[in-house]
PDB file of all heavy atoms in Angstrom:
ATOM      1  N   GLY A   1      42.440 -84.260 192.740  1.00  0.00           N
ATOM      2  CA  GLY A   1      41.262 -83.421 192.756  1.00  0.00           C
ATOM      3  C   GLY A   1      41.371 -82.294 191.747  1.00  0.00           C
ATOM      4  O   GLY A   1      42.420 -82.057 191.162  1.00  0.00           O
ATOM      5  N   GLY A   2      40.258 -81.598 191.546  1.00  0.00           N
ATOM      6  CA  GLY A   2      40.242 -80.496 190.605  1.00  0.00           C
ATOM      7  C   GLY A   2      38.836 -80.074 190.260  1.00  0.00           C
ATOM      8  O   GLY A   2      37.872 -80.463 190.920  1.00  0.00           O
ATOM      9  N   LEU A   3      38.723 -79.278 189.205  1.00  0.00           N
ATOM     10  CA  LEU A   3      37.447 -78.762 188.723  1.00  0.00           C
ATOM     11  C   LEU A   3      37.051 -79.494 187.448  1.00  0.00           C
ATOM     12  O   LEU A   3      37.821 -79.537 186.487  1.00  0.00           O
ATOM     13  CB  LEU A   3      37.554 -77.262 188.456  1.00  0.00           C
ATOM     14  CG  LEU A   3      36.354 -76.584 187.805  1.00  0.00           C
ATOM     15  CD1 LEU A   3      35.141 -76.653 188.717  1.00  0.00           C
ATOM     16  CD2 LEU A   3      36.695 -75.137 187.468  1.00  0.00           C
ATOM     17  N   VAL A   4      35.855 -80.070 187.449  1.00  0.00           N
ATOM     18  CA  VAL A   4      35.341 -80.765 186.278  1.00  0.00           C
ATOM     19  C   VAL A   4      33.883 -80.393 186.058  1.00  0.00           C
ATOM     20  O   VAL A   4      33.197 -79.941 186.974  1.00  0.00           O
ATOM     21  CB  VAL A   4      35.464 -82.296 186.397  1.00  0.00           C
ATOM     22  CG1 VAL A   4      36.921 -82.719 186.511  1.00  0.00           C
ATOM     23  CG2 VAL A   4      34.666 -82.800 187.593  1.00  0.00           C
ATOM     24  N   GLN A   5      33.413 -80.597 184.835  1.00  0.00           N
ATOM     25  CA  GLN A   5      32.011 -80.391 184.527  1.00  0.00           C
ATOM     26  C   GLN A   5      31.190 -81.609 184.929  1.00  0.00           C
ATOM     27  O   GLN A   5      31.709 -82.729 185.004  1.00  0.00           O
ATOM     28  CB  GLN A   5      31.818 -80.118 183.037  1.00  0.00           C
ATOM     29  CG  GLN A   5      32.401 -78.802 182.556  1.00  0.00           C
ATOM     30  CD  GLN A   5      32.114 -78.549 181.096  1.00  0.00           C
ATOM     31  OE1 GLN A   5      32.065 -79.468 180.290  1.00  0.00           O
ATOM     32  NE2 GLN A   5      31.921 -77.287 180.751  1.00  0.00           N
ATOM     33  N   ALA A   6      29.916 -81.388 185.193  1.00  0.00           N
ATOM     34  CA  ALA A   6      29.022 -82.495 185.500  1.00  0.00           C
ATOM     35  C   ALA A   6      29.081 -83.542 184.395  1.00  0.00           C
ATOM     36  O   ALA A   6      29.085 -83.210 183.207  1.00  0.00           O
ATOM     37  CB  ALA A   6      27.597 -81.990 185.680  1.00  0.00           C
ATOM     38  N   GLY A   7      29.132 -84.802 184.803  1.00  0.00           N
ATOM     39  CA  GLY A   7      29.261 -85.897 183.863  1.00  0.00           C
ATOM     40  C   GLY A   7      30.692 -86.330 183.615  1.00  0.00           C
ATOM     41  O   GLY A   7      30.920 -87.386 183.005  1.00  0.00           O
ATOM     42  N   GLY A   8      31.641 -85.557 184.082  1.00  0.00           N
ATOM     43  CA  GLY A   8      33.036 -85.876 183.897  1.00  0.00           C
ATOM     44  C   GLY A   8      33.556 -86.850 184.930  1.00  0.00           C
ATOM     45  O   GLY A   8      32.817 -87.345 185.783  1.00  0.00           O
ATOM     46  N   SER A   9      34.862 -87.111 184.864  1.00  0.00           N
ATOM     47  CA  SER A   9      35.496 -88.097 185.730  1.00  0.00           C
ATOM     48  C   SER A   9      36.765 -87.551 186.360  1.00  0.00           C
ATOM     49  O   SER A   9      37.438 -86.689 185.792  1.00  0.00           O
ATOM     50  CB  SER A   9      35.852 -89.360 184.945  1.00  0.00           C
ATOM     51  OG  SER A   9      34.705 -89.990 184.413  1.00  0.00           O
ATOM     52  N   LEU A  10      37.082 -88.065 187.527  1.00  0.00           N
ATOM     53  CA  LEU A  10      38.345 -87.809 188.203  1.00  0.00           C
ATOM     54  C   LEU A  10      38.805 -89.097 188.862  1.00  0.00           C
ATOM     55  O   LEU A  10      37.988 -89.920 189.258  1.00  0.00           O
ATOM     56  CB  LEU A  10      38.209 -86.731 189.275  1.00  0.00           C
ATOM     57  CG  LEU A  10      38.079 -85.277 188.844  1.00  0.00           C
ATOM     58  CD1 LEU A  10      37.788 -84.409 190.066  1.00  0.00           C
ATOM     59  CD2 LEU A  10      39.343 -84.800 188.148  1.00  0.00           C
ATOM     60  N   ARG A  11      40.109 -89.240 189.003  1.00  0.00           N
ATOM     61  CA  ARG A  11      40.675 -90.354 189.745  1.00  0.00           C
ATOM     62  C   ARG A  11      41.533 -89.810 190.874  1.00  0.00           C
ATOM     63  O   ARG A  11      42.548 -89.157 190.625  1.00  0.00           O
ATOM     64  CB  ARG A  11      41.515 -91.254 188.852  1.00  0.00           C
ATOM     65  CG  ARG A  11      41.928 -92.562 189.537  1.00  0.00           C
ATOM     66  CD  ARG A  11      42.942 -93.326 188.731  1.00  0.00           C
ATOM     67  NE  ARG A  11      43.102 -94.693 189.198  1.00  0.00           N
ATOM     68  CZ  ARG A  11      44.157 -95.461 188.948  1.00  0.00           C
ATOM     69  NH1 ARG A  11      45.145 -94.992 188.194  1.00  0.00           N
ATOM     70  NH2 ARG A  11      44.208 -96.697 189.418  1.00  0.00           N
ATOM     71  N   LEU A  12      41.121 -90.069 192.098  1.00  0.00           N
ATOM     72  CA  LEU A  12      41.874 -89.648 193.258  1.00  0.00           C
ATOM     73  C   LEU A  12      42.855 -90.732 193.671  1.00  0.00           C
ATOM     74  O   LEU A  12      42.562 -91.921 193.579  1.00  0.00           O
ATOM     75  CB  LEU A  12      40.947 -89.347 194.438  1.00  0.00           C
ATOM     76  CG  LEU A  12      39.829 -88.334 194.204  1.00  0.00           C
ATOM     77  CD1 LEU A  12      39.070 -88.091 195.504  1.00  0.00           C
ATOM     78  CD2 LEU A  12      40.373 -87.027 193.642  1.00  0.00           C
ATOM     79  N   SER A  13      44.016 -90.310 194.143  1.00  0.00           N
ATOM     80  CA  SER A  13      45.019 -91.222 194.660  1.00  0.00           C
ATOM     81  C   SER A  13      45.374 -90.838 196.083  1.00  0.00           C
ATOM     82  O   SER A  13      45.327 -89.661 196.448  1.00  0.00           O
ATOM     83  CB  SER A  13      46.286 -91.196 193.799  1.00  0.00           C
ATOM     84  OG  SER A  13      46.027 -91.619 192.482  1.00  0.00           O
ATOM     85  N   CYS A  14      45.727 -91.821 196.876  1.00  0.00           N
ATOM     86  CA  CYS A  14      46.173 -91.596 198.242  1.00  0.00           C
ATOM     87  C   CYS A  14      47.445 -92.398 198.445  1.00  0.00           C
ATOM     88  O   CYS A  14      47.406 -93.632 198.489  1.00  0.00           O
ATOM     89  CB  CYS A  14      45.092 -92.016 199.238  1.00  0.00           C
ATOM     90  SG  CYS A  14      45.587 -91.882 200.967  1.00  0.00           S
ATOM     91  N   ALA A  15      48.554 -91.704 198.543  1.00  0.00           N
ATOM     92  CA  ALA A  15      49.852 -92.342 198.713  1.00  0.00           C
ATOM     93  C   ALA A  15      50.248 -92.329 200.180  1.00  0.00           C
ATOM     94  O   ALA A  15      50.264 -91.272 200.813  1.00  0.00           O
ATOM     95  CB  ALA A  15      50.908 -91.628 197.877  1.00  0.00           C
ATOM     96  N   ALA A  16      50.569 -93.495 200.709  1.00  0.00           N
ATOM     97  CA  ALA A  16      50.934 -93.634 202.115  1.00  0.00           C
ATOM     98  C   ALA A  16      52.431 -93.823 202.261  1.00  0.00           C
ATOM     99  O   ALA A  16      53.083 -94.462 201.428  1.00  0.00           O
ATOM    100  CB  ALA A  16      50.198 -94.813 202.739  1.00  0.00           C
ATOM    101  N   SER A  17      52.971 -93.286 203.336  1.00  0.00           N
ATOM    102  CA  SER A  17      54.384 -93.449 203.636  1.00  0.00           C
ATOM    103  C   SER A  17      54.584 -93.507 205.144  1.00  0.00           C
ATOM    104  O   SER A  17      53.705 -93.122 205.917  1.00  0.00           O
ATOM    105  CB  SER A  17      55.212 -92.315 203.031  1.00  0.00           C
ATOM    106  OG  SER A  17      54.836 -91.059 203.575  1.00  0.00           O
ATOM    107  N   GLY A  18      55.737 -93.982 205.567  1.00  0.00           N
ATOM    108  CA  GLY A  18      56.055 -94.077 206.980  1.00  0.00           C
ATOM    109  C   GLY A  18      55.731 -95.413 207.606  1.00  0.00           C
ATOM    110  O   GLY A  18      56.257 -95.742 208.672  1.00  0.00           O
ATOM    111  N   ARG A  19      54.861 -96.160 206.984  1.00  0.00           N
ATOM    112  CA  ARG A  19      54.514 -97.503 207.401  1.00  0.00           C
ATOM    113  C   ARG A  19      53.847 -98.197 206.232  1.00  0.00           C
ATOM    114  O   ARG A  19      53.453 -97.537 205.266  1.00  0.00           O
ATOM    115  CB  ARG A  19      53.601 -97.511 208.634  1.00  0.00           C
ATOM    116  CG  ARG A  19      52.205 -96.974 208.373  1.00  0.00           C
ATOM    117  CD  ARG A  19      51.383 -96.859 209.653  1.00  0.00           C
ATOM    118  NE  ARG A  19      51.081 -98.146 210.260  1.00  0.00           N
ATOM    119  CZ  ARG A  19      50.032 -98.914 209.955  1.00  0.00           C
ATOM    120  NH1 ARG A  19      49.176 -98.522 209.008  1.00  0.00           N
ATOM    121  NH2 ARG A  19      49.829-100.064 210.579  1.00  0.00           N
ATOM    122  N   THR A  20      53.678 -99.487 206.311  1.00  0.00           N
ATOM    123  CA  THR A  20      52.916-100.207 205.303  1.00  0.00           C
ATOM    124  C   THR A  20      51.466-100.308 205.747  1.00  0.00           C
ATOM    125  O   THR A  20      51.173-100.434 206.938  1.00  0.00           O
ATOM    126  CB  THR A  20      53.484-101.609 205.047  1.00  0.00           C
ATOM    127  OG1 THR A  20      53.463-102.369 206.259  1.00  0.00           O
ATOM    128  CG2 THR A  20      54.905-101.519 204.537  1.00  0.00           C
ATOM    129  N   PHE A  21      50.570-100.239 204.785  1.00  0.00           N
ATOM    130  CA  PHE A  21      49.141-100.242 205.072  1.00  0.00           C
ATOM    131  C   PHE A  21      48.440-101.489 204.548  1.00  0.00           C
ATOM    132  O   PHE A  21      47.209-101.528 204.485  1.00  0.00           O
ATOM    133  CB  PHE A  21      48.498 -98.983 204.481  1.00  0.00           C
ATOM    134  CG  PHE A  21      48.910 -97.721 205.172  1.00  0.00           C
ATOM    135  CD1 PHE A  21      50.110 -97.108 204.868  1.00  0.00           C
ATOM    136  CD2 PHE A  21      48.101 -97.149 206.141  1.00  0.00           C
ATOM    137  CE1 PHE A  21      50.503 -95.942 205.513  1.00  0.00           C
ATOM    138  CE2 PHE A  21      48.476 -95.983 206.789  1.00  0.00           C
ATOM    139  CZ  PHE A  21      49.684 -95.380 206.474  1.00  0.00           C
ATOM    140  N   ARG A  22      49.204-102.506 204.198  1.00  0.00           N
ATOM    141  CA  ARG A  22      48.605-103.684 203.579  1.00  0.00           C
ATOM    142  C   ARG A  22      47.700-104.469 204.512  1.00  0.00           C
ATOM    143  O   ARG A  22      46.864-105.250 204.041  1.00  0.00           O
ATOM    144  CB  ARG A  22      49.690-104.592 203.005  1.00  0.00           C
ATOM    145  CG  ARG A  22      50.667-105.145 204.021  1.00  0.00           C
ATOM    146  CD  ARG A  22      51.718-105.992 203.313  1.00  0.00           C
ATOM    147  NE  ARG A  22      52.757-106.456 204.225  1.00  0.00           N
ATOM    148  CZ  ARG A  22      53.866-105.788 204.501  1.00  0.00           C
ATOM    149  NH1 ARG A  22      54.107-104.619 203.915  1.00  0.00           N
ATOM    150  NH2 ARG A  22      54.760-106.286 205.347  1.00  0.00           N
ATOM    151  N   ARG A  23      47.829-104.295 205.816  1.00  0.00           N
ATOM    152  CA  ARG A  23      46.960-104.972 206.773  1.00  0.00           C
ATOM    153  C   ARG A  23      45.815-104.082 207.247  1.00  0.00           C
ATOM    154  O   ARG A  23      45.064-104.474 208.142  1.00  0.00           O
ATOM    155  CB  ARG A  23      47.757-105.472 207.978  1.00  0.00           C
ATOM    156  CG  ARG A  23      48.759-106.574 207.645  1.00  0.00           C
ATOM    157  CD  ARG A  23      49.387-107.148 208.905  1.00  0.00           C
ATOM    158  NE  ARG A  23      50.173-106.146 209.620  1.00  0.00           N
ATOM    159  CZ  ARG A  23      51.438-105.861 209.378  1.00  0.00           C
ATOM    160  NH1 ARG A  23      52.082-106.527 208.413  1.00  0.00           N
ATOM    161  NH2 ARG A  23      52.066-104.937 210.076  1.00  0.00           N
ATOM    162  N   ASP A  24      45.677-102.913 206.649  1.00  0.00           N
ATOM    163  CA  ASP A  24      44.684-101.938 207.077  1.00  0.00           C
ATOM    164  C   ASP A  24      43.541-101.827 206.091  1.00  0.00           C
ATOM    165  O   ASP A  24      43.750-101.791 204.881  1.00  0.00           O
ATOM    166  CB  ASP A  24      45.324-100.554 207.199  1.00  0.00           C
ATOM    167  CG  ASP A  24      46.503-100.502 208.143  1.00  0.00           C
ATOM    168  OD1 ASP A  24      46.742-101.484 208.877  1.00  0.00           O
ATOM    169  OD2 ASP A  24      47.191 -99.468 208.151  1.00  0.00           O
ATOM    170  N   ALA A  25      42.321-101.735 206.625  1.00  0.00           N
ATOM    171  CA  ALA A  25      41.219-101.281 205.806  1.00  0.00           C
ATOM    172  C   ALA A  25      41.412 -99.793 205.500  1.00  0.00           C
ATOM    173  O   ALA A  25      41.961 -99.052 206.317  1.00  0.00           O
ATOM    174  CB  ALA A  25      39.897-101.507 206.521  1.00  0.00           C
ATOM    175  N   MET A  26      40.971 -99.368 204.327  1.00  0.00           N
ATOM    176  CA  MET A  26      41.131 -97.987 203.903  1.00  0.00           C
ATOM    177  C   MET A  26      39.776 -97.405 203.529  1.00  0.00           C
ATOM    178  O   MET A  26      38.906 -98.122 203.024  1.00  0.00           O
ATOM    179  CB  MET A  26      42.065 -97.884 202.703  1.00  0.00           C
ATOM    180  CG  MET A  26      43.452 -98.466 202.922  1.00  0.00           C
ATOM    181  SD  MET A  26      44.450 -97.501 204.095  1.00  0.00           S
ATOM    182  CE  MET A  26      44.682 -95.974 203.159  1.00  0.00           C
ATOM    183  N   GLY A  27      39.623 -96.113 203.756  1.00  0.00           N
ATOM    184  CA  GLY A  27      38.376 -95.451 203.424  1.00  0.00           C
ATOM    185  C   GLY A  27      38.591 -94.094 202.791  1.00  0.00           C
ATOM    186  O   GLY A  27      39.627 -93.454 202.985  1.00  0.00           O
TER     187      GLY A  27
END
């Protein structure tokens, strides 16, 4: 996350730990 101007782009990441999430739907 961060501050961007209108029309710009960001890429969010979500790193999971403590278990595997390959059988889970994500939102």
